[in-house]
Amino acid sequence: MENKSCKTIAIVSGKGGSGKTMLTATIAKILDISGSSVLLIDADFGTAGLTYYLGLNEVNNISVGLTNLFSNIEKTALPYDKIIEPLKSYNNTEFIGVGDHRRYKENGESSFFHDYFDKFISQIKEENRYDYIIVDCRGGIDDESLTVCNSSDEIIIVAETDTTSFQATQYLVETLYDNGVSDKLSGFFVNKVFDDPTILIRNGVVSFKTRCLSSIPFDLDAIKSFIIGEVPKITNIYTSQIWHGLKEIKSFENIAEPPQHKLDRKQFSIFSFRDRNISLGSYFISSSMFLLISSVVFSLIIQGVNSVETLSILVLCLMLSVASISDGLKKSIGRMFSSIFTLFTPKK
């Protein structure tokens, strides 16, 4: 009998580059830390991103995978144990990669995938081996992704903050509605956020017709982990935001509590590319140069070119021009003014 308690979760996105792959691996890590048994599957037959990502450090063999299961129409037993791999830094999570995705379409294996993937998932559930099956789909929406969504219990969307990603995600949602699987939508993550996400969340709720689970900051530490093939640390703010998002879903409500508090919308400014102290220093330098140049013009009109005051002001303008090039100097000036403002700001 099929294990009804085992949940299959499809992770989808409107376009590639949304950060879906690292998010999928992180979700599996959170569940693993919480004591759940997880099967992680890469069903991105276009790029096999999760397979290559985990192949750097986590698994020994990425040459076999789903394409080895769905390549011969005579196969009915679906012996997935032959292509399953344990993940080294996880406690109780296993992985099935794509395999040789380059020959997938050429050999006509896609039709076999569509016919047997649901049976494949059902067989895994019947064995009562896992609590969760997490499937990483291709960026965008294709036939394979729809097949996975049809066979899944829930669907999680990953969207970026830019307009193109929102439009692509809206098309993805419309396609899910057209194919009758929209009722499986659990919500969406907004990824790579570096400012107050309030407006993005509102637009996403309207456009995607589902709730926002969490906003995930543009975290350089997480990006570095991805580049070297590591899953972000469990104490990382990136992981913590995903963790809080999962707690919003009923299927995950019993997982462990996140190690950090959920970010307040105003706290996302710390991830902004616009450093507050640099901005403050820039305002000071720009204002000073405006006043000094105005003084030079006034001095030229009243006293002439050769006055000592005019030459002194020109030297100050030159020094400020040099200072405006250095972010470090602007940051130091900004810090000084921030400290002054703090001293004179009444405490609540």
C-alpha atoms as a PDB file:
ATOM      1  CA  MET A   1       0.000   0.000   0.000  1.00  0.00           C
ATOM      2  CA  GLU A   2       1.238   3.477  -0.883  1.00  0.00           C
ATOM      3  CA  ASN A   3       2.656   5.481   2.046  1.00  0.00           C
ATOM      4  CA  LYS A   4       0.251   8.426   2.276  1.00  0.00           C
ATOM      5  CA  SER A   5       2.448  10.144   4.849  1.00  0.00           C
ATOM      6  CA  CYS A   6       5.319  10.442   2.362  1.00  0.00           C
ATOM      7  CA  LYS A   7       4.932  13.779   0.569  1.00  0.00           C
ATOM      8  CA  THR A   8       6.281  14.500  -2.908  1.00  0.00           C
ATOM      9  CA  ILE A   9       7.215  18.153  -3.375  1.00  0.00           C
ATOM     10  CA  ALA A  10       7.972  19.665  -6.799  1.00  0.00           C
ATOM     11  CA  ILE A  11      10.201  22.768  -6.803  1.00  0.00           C
ATOM     12  CA  VAL A  12       9.566  24.921  -9.881  1.00  0.00           C
ATOM     13  CA  SER A  13      10.470  28.360 -11.218  1.00  0.00           C
ATOM     14  CA  GLY A  14       9.405  30.534 -14.121  1.00  0.00           C
ATOM     15  CA  LYS A  15      12.923  30.780 -15.542  1.00  0.00           C
ATOM     16  CA  GLY A  16      16.438  29.520 -15.068  1.00  0.00           C
ATOM     17  CA  GLY A  17      18.850  31.262 -12.725  1.00  0.00           C
ATOM     18  CA  SER A  18      16.296  31.794  -9.970  1.00  0.00           C
ATOM     19  CA  GLY A  19      18.387  29.972  -7.369  1.00  0.00           C
ATOM     20  CA  LYS A  20      15.966  27.048  -7.329  1.00  0.00           C
ATOM     21  CA  THR A  21      18.705  24.395  -7.308  1.00  0.00           C
ATOM     22  CA  MET A  22      20.460  25.627  -4.165  1.00  0.00           C
ATOM     23  CA  LEU A  23      17.110  26.243  -2.491  1.00  0.00           C
ATOM     24  CA  THR A  24      16.044  22.648  -3.246  1.00  0.00           C
ATOM     25  CA  ALA A  25      19.239  21.243  -1.710  1.00  0.00           C
ATOM     26  CA  THR A  26      18.758  23.510   1.311  1.00  0.00           C
ATOM     27  CA  ILE A  27      15.169  22.338   1.839  1.00  0.00           C
ATOM     28  CA  ALA A  28      16.425  18.751   1.864  1.00  0.00           C
ATOM     29  CA  LYS A  29      19.117  19.748   4.379  1.00  0.00           C
ATOM     30  CA  ILE A  30      16.568  21.365   6.702  1.00  0.00           C
ATOM     31  CA  LEU A  31      14.339  18.286   6.600  1.00  0.00           C
ATOM     32  CA  ASP A  32      17.353  16.054   7.139  1.00  0.00           C
ATOM     33  CA  ILE A  33      18.473  18.064  10.189  1.00  0.00           C
ATOM     34  CA  SER A  34      14.915  17.815  11.510  1.00  0.00           C
ATOM     35  CA  GLY A  35      15.193  14.022  11.505  1.00  0.00           C
ATOM     36  CA  SER A  36      13.242  13.257   8.331  1.00  0.00           C
ATOM     37  CA  SER A  37      14.331  10.786   5.662  1.00  0.00           C
ATOM     38  CA  VAL A  38      14.492  12.430   2.253  1.00  0.00           C
ATOM     39  CA  LEU A  39      14.902  11.376  -1.358  1.00  0.00           C
ATOM     40  CA  LEU A  40      16.190  14.236  -3.487  1.00  0.00           C
ATOM     41  CA  ILE A  41      15.605  13.897  -7.245  1.00  0.00           C
ATOM     42  CA  ASP A  42      16.982  15.997 -10.100  1.00  0.00           C
ATOM     43  CA  ALA A  43      14.400  16.084 -12.903  1.00  0.00           C
ATOM     44  CA  ASP A  44      15.971  18.987 -14.804  1.00  0.00           C
ATOM     45  CA  PHE A  45      16.742  17.228 -18.084  1.00  0.00           C
ATOM     46  CA  GLY A  46      17.849  20.505 -19.629  1.00  0.00           C
ATOM     47  CA  THR A  47      20.834  21.451 -17.469  1.00  0.00           C
ATOM     48  CA  ALA A  48      21.007  18.822 -14.673  1.00  0.00           C
ATOM     49  CA  GLY A  49      21.935  21.684 -12.341  1.00  0.00           C
ATOM     50  CA  LEU A  50      21.332  19.843  -9.075  1.00  0.00           C
ATOM     51  CA  THR A  51      23.292  16.816 -10.328  1.00  0.00           C
ATOM     52  CA  TYR A  52      26.362  18.904 -11.156  1.00  0.00           C
ATOM     53  CA  TYR A  53      26.014  20.992  -7.980  1.00  0.00           C
ATOM     54  CA  LEU A  54      25.931  17.983  -5.650  1.00  0.00           C
ATOM     55  CA  GLY A  55      28.422  16.140  -7.841  1.00  0.00           C
ATOM     56  CA  LEU A  56      31.220  18.457  -6.696  1.00  0.00           C
ATOM     57  CA  ASN A  57      31.274  17.246  -3.095  1.00  0.00           C
ATOM     58  CA  GLU A  58      28.197  15.268  -2.110  1.00  0.00           C
ATOM     59  CA  VAL A  59      27.975  12.252  -4.440  1.00  0.00           C
ATOM     60  CA  ASN A  60      30.581   9.975  -5.996  1.00  0.00           C
ATOM     61  CA  ASN A  61      28.886   9.042  -9.259  1.00  0.00           C
ATOM     62  CA  ILE A  62      26.713  11.320 -11.407  1.00  0.00           C
ATOM     63  CA  SER A  63      26.992   9.289 -14.619  1.00  0.00           C
ATOM     64  CA  VAL A  64      23.799   7.349 -13.858  1.00  0.00           C
ATOM     65  CA  GLY A  65      20.336   8.567 -12.940  1.00  0.00           C
ATOM     66  CA  LEU A  66      16.759   8.907 -14.156  1.00  0.00           C
ATOM     67  CA  THR A  67      17.790   8.485 -17.781  1.00  0.00           C
ATOM     68  CA  ASN A  68      18.966   4.985 -16.915  1.00  0.00           C
ATOM     69  CA  LEU A  69      15.535   4.149 -15.527  1.00  0.00           C
ATOM     70  CA  PHE A  70      13.491   5.734 -18.298  1.00  0.00           C
ATOM     71  CA  SER A  71      15.466   4.572 -21.300  1.00  0.00           C
ATOM     72  CA  ASN A  72      14.187   1.050 -21.970  1.00  0.00           C
ATOM     73  CA  ILE A  73      10.498   0.395 -22.436  1.00  0.00           C
ATOM     74  CA  GLU A  74      10.966  -3.200 -21.294  1.00  0.00           C
ATOM     75  CA  LYS A  75      11.866  -2.056 -17.786  1.00  0.00           C
ATOM     76  CA  THR A  76       8.899  -2.343 -15.454  1.00  0.00           C
ATOM     77  CA  ALA A  77      10.479  -3.084 -12.057  1.00  0.00           C
ATOM     78  CA  LEU A  78      12.049   0.406 -11.897  1.00  0.00           C
ATOM     79  CA  PRO A  79      15.128  -0.666  -9.892  1.00  0.00           C
ATOM     80  CA  TYR A  80      16.022   2.786  -8.614  1.00  0.00           C
ATOM     81  CA  ASP A  81      18.336   1.316  -5.955  1.00  0.00           C
ATOM     82  CA  LYS A  82      20.897   0.833  -8.692  1.00  0.00           C
ATOM     83  CA  ILE A  83      21.208   4.551  -9.354  1.00  0.00           C
ATOM     84  CA  ILE A  84      20.626   5.985  -5.889  1.00  0.00           C
ATOM     85  CA  GLU A  85      23.444   7.833  -4.087  1.00  0.00           C
ATOM     86  CA  PRO A  86      23.835   8.829  -0.417  1.00  0.00           C
ATOM     87  CA  LEU A  87      24.698  12.477   0.233  1.00  0.00           C
ATOM     88  CA  LYS A  88      27.885  12.802   2.257  1.00  0.00           C
ATOM     89  CA  SER A  89      27.043  15.788   4.468  1.00  0.00           C
ATOM     90  CA  TYR A  90      23.437  14.686   5.108  1.00  0.00           C
ATOM     91  CA  ASN A  91      22.338  12.193   7.751  1.00  0.00           C
ATOM     92  CA  ASN A  92      19.416  10.429   6.127  1.00  0.00           C
ATOM     93  CA  THR A  93      19.041  11.812   2.609  1.00  0.00           C
ATOM     94  CA  GLU A  94      19.647  10.052  -0.693  1.00  0.00           C
ATOM     95  CA  PHE A  95      19.871  11.368  -4.209  1.00  0.00           C
ATOM     96  CA  ILE A  96      18.908  10.387  -7.736  1.00  0.00           C
ATOM     97  CA  GLY A  97      20.521  12.490 -10.428  1.00  0.00           C
ATOM     98  CA  VAL A  98      19.556  12.970 -14.047  1.00  0.00           C
ATOM     99  CA  GLY A  99      22.209  10.735 -15.558  1.00  0.00           C
ATOM    100  CA  ASP A 100      23.201  11.352 -19.170  1.00  0.00           C
ATOM    101  CA  HIS A 101      20.724  14.140 -19.901  1.00  0.00           C
ATOM    102  CA  ARG A 102      22.386  14.990 -23.225  1.00  0.00           C
ATOM    103  CA  ARG A 103      21.030  11.859 -24.887  1.00  0.00           C
ATOM    104  CA  TYR A 104      17.643  11.987 -23.186  1.00  0.00           C
ATOM    105  CA  LYS A 105      15.677  13.646 -25.984  1.00  0.00           C
ATOM    106  CA  GLU A 106      17.711  12.016 -28.746  1.00  0.00           C
ATOM    107  CA  ASN A 107      16.788   8.501 -27.636  1.00  0.00           C
ATOM    108  CA  GLY A 108      13.100   9.236 -27.262  1.00  0.00           C
ATOM    109  CA  GLU A 109      13.195   8.569 -23.525  1.00  0.00           C
ATOM    110  CA  SER A 110      10.887  11.466 -22.658  1.00  0.00           C
ATOM    111  CA  SER A 111       7.718   9.614 -23.626  1.00  0.00           C
ATOM    112  CA  PHE A 112       8.717   6.737 -21.349  1.00  0.00           C
ATOM    113  CA  PHE A 113       9.326   9.230 -18.544  1.00  0.00           C
ATOM    114  CA  HIS A 114       5.825  10.674 -18.941  1.00  0.00           C
ATOM    115  CA  ASP A 115       4.247   7.213 -18.930  1.00  0.00           C
ATOM    116  CA  TYR A 116       6.092   5.775 -15.929  1.00  0.00           C
ATOM    117  CA  PHE A 117       7.179   8.618 -13.609  1.00  0.00           C
ATOM    118  CA  ASP A 118       3.986   8.491 -11.558  1.00  0.00           C
ATOM    119  CA  LYS A 119       4.370   4.715 -11.187  1.00  0.00           C
ATOM    120  CA  PHE A 120       7.983   5.272 -10.178  1.00  0.00           C
ATOM    121  CA  ILE A 121       6.985   7.707  -7.405  1.00  0.00           C
ATOM    122  CA  SER A 122       4.180   5.422  -6.221  1.00  0.00           C
ATOM    123  CA  GLN A 123       6.589   2.496  -5.953  1.00  0.00           C
ATOM    124  CA  ILE A 124       8.978   4.517  -3.801  1.00  0.00           C
ATOM    125  CA  LYS A 125       6.115   5.534  -1.514  1.00  0.00           C
ATOM    126  CA  GLU A 126       4.955   1.944  -1.152  1.00  0.00           C
ATOM    127  CA  GLU A 127       8.323   0.993   0.311  1.00  0.00           C
ATOM    128  CA  ASN A 128       7.837   3.439   3.222  1.00  0.00           C
ATOM    129  CA  ARG A 129      11.484   4.391   3.008  1.00  0.00           C
ATOM    130  CA  TYR A 130      11.185   8.180   2.945  1.00  0.00           C
ATOM    131  CA  ASP A 131       9.201  10.916   4.644  1.00  0.00           C
ATOM    132  CA  TYR A 132       9.686  13.332   1.759  1.00  0.00           C
ATOM    133  CA  ILE A 133      10.532  13.164  -1.933  1.00  0.00           C
ATOM    134  CA  ILE A 134      11.831  16.522  -3.177  1.00  0.00           C
ATOM    135  CA  VAL A 135      12.040  16.959  -6.959  1.00  0.00           C
ATOM    136  CA  ASP A 136      13.999  19.766  -8.603  1.00  0.00           C
ATOM    137  CA  CYS A 137      12.337  20.646 -11.920  1.00  0.00           C
ATOM    138  CA  ARG A 138      13.678  22.558 -14.878  1.00  0.00           C
ATOM    139  CA  GLY A 139      13.621  26.369 -14.879  1.00  0.00           C
ATOM    140  CA  GLY A 140      10.552  27.389 -16.880  1.00  0.00           C
ATOM    141  CA  ILE A 141       7.783  24.931 -17.564  1.00  0.00           C
ATOM    142  CA  ASP A 142       8.137  21.943 -19.895  1.00  0.00           C
ATOM    143  CA  ASP A 143       6.484  18.544 -20.344  1.00  0.00           C
ATOM    144  CA  GLU A 144       8.775  16.864 -17.820  1.00  0.00           C
ATOM    145  CA  SER A 145       8.047  19.514 -15.178  1.00  0.00           C
ATOM    146  CA  LEU A 146       4.303  19.122 -15.730  1.00  0.00           C
ATOM    147  CA  THR A 147       4.667  15.372 -15.364  1.00  0.00           C
ATOM    148  CA  VAL A 148       6.464  15.849 -12.040  1.00  0.00           C
ATOM    149  CA  CYS A 149       3.830  18.357 -10.870  1.00  0.00           C
ATOM    150  CA  ASN A 150       1.049  15.927 -11.744  1.00  0.00           C
ATOM    151  CA  SER A 151       2.750  13.213  -9.679  1.00  0.00           C
ATOM    152  CA  SER A 152       3.492  15.499  -6.710  1.00  0.00           C
ATOM    153  CA  ASP A 153       1.443  16.294  -3.631  1.00  0.00           C
ATOM    154  CA  GLU A 154       2.574  19.903  -3.433  1.00  0.00           C
ATOM    155  CA  ILE A 155       4.299  22.505  -5.613  1.00  0.00           C
ATOM    156  CA  ILE A 156       6.622  25.250  -4.377  1.00  0.00           C
ATOM    157  CA  ILE A 157       7.526  28.181  -6.649  1.00  0.00           C
ATOM    158  CA  VAL A 158      10.821  30.084  -6.582  1.00  0.00           C
ATOM    159  CA  ALA A 159      10.813  33.596  -8.092  1.00  0.00           C
ATOM    160  CA  GLU A 160      13.438  36.305  -8.363  1.00  0.00           C
ATOM    161  CA  THR A 161      12.819  40.000  -7.774  1.00  0.00           C
ATOM    162  CA  ASP A 162      13.164  41.257 -11.357  1.00  0.00           C
ATOM    163  CA  THR A 163      10.303  41.956 -13.761  1.00  0.00           C
ATOM    164  CA  THR A 164      11.327  39.222 -16.198  1.00  0.00           C
ATOM    165  CA  SER A 165      11.208  36.583 -13.483  1.00  0.00           C
ATOM    166  CA  PHE A 166       7.796  37.771 -12.300  1.00  0.00           C
ATOM    167  CA  GLN A 167       6.395  37.610 -15.826  1.00  0.00           C
ATOM    168  CA  ALA A 168       7.867  34.149 -16.413  1.00  0.00           C
ATOM    169  CA  THR A 169       6.514  32.940 -13.071  1.00  0.00           C
ATOM    170  CA  GLN A 170       3.071  34.305 -13.903  1.00  0.00           C
ATOM    171  CA  TYR A 171       3.145  32.293 -17.145  1.00  0.00           C
ATOM    172  CA  LEU A 172       4.229  29.229 -15.142  1.00  0.00           C
ATOM    173  CA  VAL A 173       1.256  29.614 -12.797  1.00  0.00           C
ATOM    174  CA  GLU A 174      -1.151  30.058 -15.707  1.00  0.00           C
ATOM    175  CA  THR A 175       0.203  26.838 -17.237  1.00  0.00           C
ATOM    176  CA  LEU A 176      -0.307  25.000 -13.948  1.00  0.00           C
ATOM    177  CA  TYR A 177      -3.903  26.260 -13.884  1.00  0.00           C
ATOM    178  CA  ASP A 178      -4.450  25.192 -17.490  1.00  0.00           C
ATOM    179  CA  ASN A 179      -3.224  21.688 -16.630  1.00  0.00           C
ATOM    180  CA  GLY A 180      -5.356  21.314 -13.534  1.00  0.00           C
ATOM    181  CA  VAL A 181      -2.613  21.195 -10.895  1.00  0.00           C
ATOM    182  CA  SER A 182      -2.937  24.685  -9.417  1.00  0.00           C
ATOM    183  CA  ASP A 183      -4.640  23.225  -6.315  1.00  0.00           C
ATOM    184  CA  LYS A 184      -1.266  21.746  -5.356  1.00  0.00           C
ATOM    185  CA  LEU A 185       0.419  25.154  -5.020  1.00  0.00           C
ATOM    186  CA  SER A 186       1.797  25.596  -1.483  1.00  0.00           C
ATOM    187  CA  GLY A 187       3.195  29.076  -2.056  1.00  0.00           C
ATOM    188  CA  PHE A 188       6.247  30.875  -3.396  1.00  0.00           C
ATOM    189  CA  PHE A 189       9.648  32.052  -2.216  1.00  0.00           C
ATOM    190  CA  VAL A 190      11.021  35.396  -3.393  1.00  0.00           C
ATOM    191  CA  ASN A 191      14.744  34.816  -3.812  1.00  0.00           C
ATOM    192  CA  LYS A 192      17.735  37.183  -4.006  1.00  0.00           C
ATOM    193  CA  VAL A 193      16.032  40.037  -2.163  1.00  0.00           C
ATOM    194  CA  PHE A 194      18.226  43.004  -1.233  1.00  0.00           C
ATOM    195  CA  ASP A 195      15.676  45.572  -0.106  1.00  0.00           C
ATOM    196  CA  ASP A 196      12.266  45.823   1.574  1.00  0.00           C
ATOM    197  CA  PRO A 197      10.260  42.992  -0.099  1.00  0.00           C
ATOM    198  CA  THR A 198       6.788  44.283   0.851  1.00  0.00           C
ATOM    199  CA  ILE A 199       5.757  45.457  -2.629  1.00  0.00           C
ATOM    200  CA  LEU A 200       7.267  42.350  -4.261  1.00  0.00           C
ATOM    201  CA  ILE A 201       5.251  40.106  -1.957  1.00  0.00           C
ATOM    202  CA  ARG A 202       2.012  41.972  -2.690  1.00  0.00           C
ATOM    203  CA  ASN A 203       2.590  41.779  -6.436  1.00  0.00           C
ATOM    204  CA  GLY A 204       3.537  38.116  -6.179  1.00  0.00           C
ATOM    205  CA  VAL A 205       0.405  37.158  -4.258  1.00  0.00           C
ATOM    206  CA  VAL A 206      -1.749  38.805  -6.944  1.00  0.00           C
ATOM    207  CA  SER A 207       0.248  37.542  -9.936  1.00  0.00           C
ATOM    208  CA  PHE A 208       0.920  33.981  -8.728  1.00  0.00           C
ATOM    209  CA  LYS A 209      -2.461  33.474  -7.025  1.00  0.00           C
ATOM    210  CA  THR A 210      -0.850  31.902  -3.976  1.00  0.00           C
ATOM    211  CA  ARG A 211       0.776  33.003  -0.730  1.00  0.00           C
ATOM    212  CA  CYS A 212       4.353  34.107  -0.129  1.00  0.00           C
ATOM    213  CA  LEU A 213       6.156  31.641   2.107  1.00  0.00           C
ATOM    214  CA  SER A 214       9.222  33.753   2.746  1.00  0.00           C
ATOM    215  CA  SER A 215      11.631  36.288   1.273  1.00  0.00           C
ATOM    216  CA  ILE A 216      15.222  35.108   0.933  1.00  0.00           C
ATOM    217  CA  PRO A 217      18.048  37.672   1.026  1.00  0.00           C
ATOM    218  CA  PHE A 218      20.763  38.012  -1.598  1.00  0.00           C
ATOM    219  CA  ASP A 219      23.381  36.435   0.652  1.00  0.00           C
ATOM    220  CA  LEU A 220      26.965  36.397  -0.585  1.00  0.00           C
ATOM    221  CA  ASP A 221      27.913  33.620   1.848  1.00  0.00           C
ATOM    222  CA  ALA A 222      25.256  31.371   0.304  1.00  0.00           C
ATOM    223  CA  ILE A 223      26.424  32.258  -3.215  1.00  0.00           C
ATOM    224  CA  LYS A 224      29.996  31.352  -2.273  1.00  0.00           C
ATOM    225  CA  SER A 225      28.788  27.994  -0.947  1.00  0.00           C
ATOM    226  CA  PHE A 226      27.006  27.297  -4.214  1.00  0.00           C
ATOM    227  CA  ILE A 227      30.097  28.091  -6.290  1.00  0.00           C
ATOM    228  CA  ILE A 228      32.225  25.541  -4.423  1.00  0.00           C
ATOM    229  CA  GLY A 229      29.483  22.908  -4.354  1.00  0.00           C
ATOM    230  CA  GLU A 230      28.546  23.192  -0.692  1.00  0.00           C
ATOM    231  CA  VAL A 231      25.071  23.475   0.790  1.00  0.00           C
ATOM    232  CA  PRO A 232      24.703  26.720   2.838  1.00  0.00           C
ATOM    233  CA  LYS A 233      25.278  26.260   6.555  1.00  0.00           C
ATOM    234  CA  ILE A 234      22.262  25.470   8.675  1.00  0.00           C
ATOM    235  CA  THR A 235      22.903  28.624  10.756  1.00  0.00           C
ATOM    236  CA  ASN A 236      23.095  30.853   7.689  1.00  0.00           C
ATOM    237  CA  ILE A 237      20.453  33.603   7.372  1.00  0.00           C
ATOM    238  CA  TYR A 238      19.695  32.295   3.869  1.00  0.00           C
ATOM    239  CA  THR A 239      18.861  28.862   5.272  1.00  0.00           C
ATOM    240  CA  SER A 240      16.910  30.362   8.161  1.00  0.00           C
ATOM    241  CA  GLN A 241      14.579  32.295   5.844  1.00  0.00           C
ATOM    242  CA  ILE A 242      13.842  29.140   3.834  1.00  0.00           C
ATOM    243  CA  TRP A 243      13.266  27.297   7.102  1.00  0.00           C
ATOM    244  CA  HIS A 244      10.661  29.845   8.234  1.00  0.00           C
ATOM    245  CA  GLY A 245       8.974  29.539   4.849  1.00  0.00           C
ATOM    246  CA  LEU A 246       8.687  25.770   5.154  1.00  0.00           C
ATOM    247  CA  LYS A 247       7.031  26.150   8.570  1.00  0.00           C
ATOM    248  CA  GLU A 248       4.181  27.930   6.781  1.00  0.00           C
ATOM    249  CA  ILE A 249       3.312  24.711   4.922  1.00  0.00           C
ATOM    250  CA  LYS A 250       1.200  22.171   6.778  1.00  0.00           C
ATOM    251  CA  SER A 251       3.274  19.238   5.492  1.00  0.00           C
ATOM    252  CA  PHE A 252       6.354  20.741   7.196  1.00  0.00           C
ATOM    253  CA  GLU A 253       4.835  22.234  10.331  1.00  0.00           C
ATOM    254  CA  ASN A 254       6.388  19.558  12.566  1.00  0.00           C
ATOM    255  CA  ILE A 255       9.982  20.157  11.511  1.00  0.00           C
ATOM    256  CA  ALA A 256      12.454  21.629  13.985  1.00  0.00           C
ATOM    257  CA  GLU A 257      12.421  25.329  14.815  1.00  0.00           C
ATOM    258  CA  PRO A 258      14.791  27.573  12.791  1.00  0.00           C
ATOM    259  CA  PRO A 259      17.973  28.619  14.617  1.00  0.00           C
ATOM    260  CA  GLN A 260      17.403  32.317  13.806  1.00  0.00           C
ATOM    261  CA  HIS A 261      14.480  34.721  13.877  1.00  0.00           C
ATOM    262  CA  LYS A 262      12.703  35.572  10.638  1.00  0.00           C
ATOM    263  CA  LEU A 263      13.962  38.797   9.091  1.00  0.00           C
ATOM    264  CA  ASP A 264      11.802  41.865   9.457  1.00  0.00           C
ATOM    265  CA  ARG A 265      11.107  43.609   6.137  1.00  0.00           C
ATOM    266  CA  LYS A 266      13.275  46.567   7.171  1.00  0.00           C
ATOM    267  CA  GLN A 267      16.229  44.295   7.906  1.00  0.00           C
ATOM    268  CA  PHE A 268      16.611  43.426   4.227  1.00  0.00           C
ATOM    269  CA  SER A 269      18.324  46.794   3.729  1.00  0.00           C
ATOM    270  CA  ILE A 270      21.478  45.282   5.242  1.00  0.00           C
ATOM    271  CA  PHE A 271      21.749  43.139   2.103  1.00  0.00           C
ATOM    272  CA  SER A 272      21.312  46.146  -0.183  1.00  0.00           C
ATOM    273  CA  PHE A 273      24.107  47.016  -2.588  1.00  0.00           C
ATOM    274  CA  ARG A 274      23.612  50.614  -1.446  1.00  0.00           C
ATOM    275  CA  ASP A 275      25.675  50.836   1.740  1.00  0.00           C
ATOM    276  CA  ARG A 276      24.017  53.380   4.041  1.00  0.00           C
ATOM    277  CA  ASN A 277      27.301  54.875   5.264  1.00  0.00           C
ATOM    278  CA  ILE A 278      28.654  55.218   1.722  1.00  0.00           C
ATOM    279  CA  SER A 279      25.425  56.938   0.671  1.00  0.00           C
ATOM    280  CA  LEU A 280      25.619  59.297   3.651  1.00  0.00           C
ATOM    281  CA  GLY A 281      29.258  60.092   2.880  1.00  0.00           C
ATOM    282  CA  SER A 282      28.378  60.723  -0.763  1.00  0.00           C
ATOM    283  CA  TYR A 283      25.625  63.149   0.232  1.00  0.00           C
ATOM    284  CA  PHE A 284      28.047  65.043   2.451  1.00  0.00           C
ATOM    285  CA  ILE A 285      30.723  65.293  -0.250  1.00  0.00           C
ATOM    286  CA  SER A 286      28.227  66.276  -2.955  1.00  0.00           C
ATOM    287  CA  SER A 287      26.635  68.946  -0.751  1.00  0.00           C
ATOM    288  CA  SER A 288      30.040  70.310   0.259  1.00  0.00           C
ATOM    289  CA  MET A 289      31.215  70.504  -3.353  1.00  0.00           C
ATOM    290  CA  PHE A 290      28.032  72.305  -4.360  1.00  0.00           C
ATOM    291  CA  LEU A 291      28.525  74.892  -1.613  1.00  0.00           C
ATOM    292  CA  LEU A 292      32.228  75.299  -2.407  1.00  0.00           C
ATOM    293  CA  ILE A 293      31.662  75.698  -6.160  1.00  0.00           C
ATOM    294  CA  SER A 294      28.953  78.266  -5.433  1.00  0.00           C
ATOM    295  CA  SER A 295      31.458  80.087  -3.227  1.00  0.00           C
ATOM    296  CA  VAL A 296      34.072  80.010  -6.013  1.00  0.00           C
ATOM    297  CA  VAL A 297      31.652  81.520  -8.485  1.00  0.00           C
ATOM    298  CA  PHE A 298      30.648  84.194  -5.987  1.00  0.00           C
ATOM    299  CA  SER A 299      34.315  84.910  -5.145  1.00  0.00           C
ATOM    300  CA  LEU A 300      35.255  85.204  -8.823  1.00  0.00           C
ATOM    301  CA  ILE A 301      32.527  87.727  -9.369  1.00  0.00           C
ATOM    302  CA  ILE A 302      33.426  89.830  -6.312  1.00  0.00           C
ATOM    303  CA  GLN A 303      37.189  89.457  -5.846  1.00  0.00           C
ATOM    304  CA  GLY A 304      38.622  88.107  -9.119  1.00  0.00           C
ATOM    305  CA  VAL A 305      40.712  85.079 -10.060  1.00  0.00           C
ATOM    306  CA  ASN A 306      43.831  85.812  -8.027  1.00  0.00           C
ATOM    307  CA  SER A 307      42.280  86.020  -4.563  1.00  0.00           C
ATOM    308  CA  VAL A 308      43.663  83.702  -1.886  1.00  0.00           C
ATOM    309  CA  GLU A 309      40.142  82.690  -0.835  1.00  0.00           C
ATOM    310  CA  THR A 310      39.293  81.548  -4.367  1.00  0.00           C
ATOM    311  CA  LEU A 311      42.449  79.465  -4.694  1.00  0.00           C
ATOM    312  CA  SER A 312      41.872  77.879  -1.282  1.00  0.00           C
ATOM    313  CA  ILE A 313      38.317  76.916  -2.235  1.00  0.00           C
ATOM    314  CA  LEU A 314      39.533  75.441  -5.529  1.00  0.00           C
ATOM    315  CA  VAL A 315      42.036  73.273  -3.608  1.00  0.00           C
ATOM    316  CA  LEU A 316      39.233  72.063  -1.312  1.00  0.00           C
ATOM    317  CA  CYS A 317      37.129  71.236  -4.362  1.00  0.00           C
ATOM    318  CA  LEU A 318      40.007  69.210  -5.793  1.00  0.00           C
ATOM    319  CA  MET A 319      40.407  67.317  -2.505  1.00  0.00           C
ATOM    320  CA  LEU A 320      36.703  66.531  -2.364  1.00  0.00           C
ATOM    321  CA  SER A 321      36.802  65.340  -5.967  1.00  0.00           C
ATOM    322  CA  VAL A 322      39.525  62.859  -5.036  1.00  0.00           C
ATOM    323  CA  ALA A 323      37.553  61.816  -1.946  1.00  0.00           C
ATOM    324  CA  SER A 324      34.442  61.151  -4.042  1.00  0.00           C
ATOM    325  CA  ILE A 325      36.297  58.383  -5.889  1.00  0.00           C
ATOM    326  CA  SER A 326      37.043  56.384  -2.720  1.00  0.00           C
ATOM    327  CA  ASP A 327      34.195  54.298  -1.301  1.00  0.00           C
ATOM    328  CA  GLY A 328      36.301  53.665   1.780  1.00  0.00           C
ATOM    329  CA  LEU A 329      36.629  57.380   2.543  1.00  0.00           C
ATOM    330  CA  LYS A 330      32.937  57.998   1.874  1.00  0.00           C
ATOM    331  CA  LYS A 331      32.107  55.123   4.201  1.00  0.00           C
ATOM    332  CA  SER A 332      34.316  56.596   6.958  1.00  0.00           C
ATOM    333  CA  ILE A 333      32.629  59.983   6.608  1.00  0.00           C
ATOM    334  CA  GLY A 334      29.232  58.296   6.653  1.00  0.00           C
ATOM    335  CA  ARG A 335      30.099  56.374   9.826  1.00  0.00           C
ATOM    336  CA  MET A 336      31.191  59.602  11.519  1.00  0.00           C
ATOM    337  CA  PHE A 337      27.884  61.290  10.732  1.00  0.00           C
ATOM    338  CA  SER A 338      25.929  58.178  11.726  1.00  0.00           C
ATOM    339  CA  SER A 339      27.656  58.246  15.116  1.00  0.00           C
ATOM    340  CA  ILE A 340      26.835  61.955  15.521  1.00  0.00           C
ATOM    341  CA  PHE A 341      23.180  61.359  14.592  1.00  0.00           C
ATOM    342  CA  THR A 342      23.006  58.485  17.082  1.00  0.00           C
ATOM    343  CA  LEU A 343      24.347  60.664  19.913  1.00  0.00           C
ATOM    344  CA  PHE A 344      21.743  63.366  19.305  1.00  0.00           C
ATOM    345  CA  THR A 345      18.830  61.054  18.557  1.00  0.00           C
ATOM    346  CA  PRO A 346      16.584  60.727  21.618  1.00  0.00           C
ATOM    347  CA  LYS A 347      16.212  57.157  22.830  1.00  0.00           C
ATOM    348  CA  LYS A 348      12.708  55.711  22.975  1.00  0.00           C
END
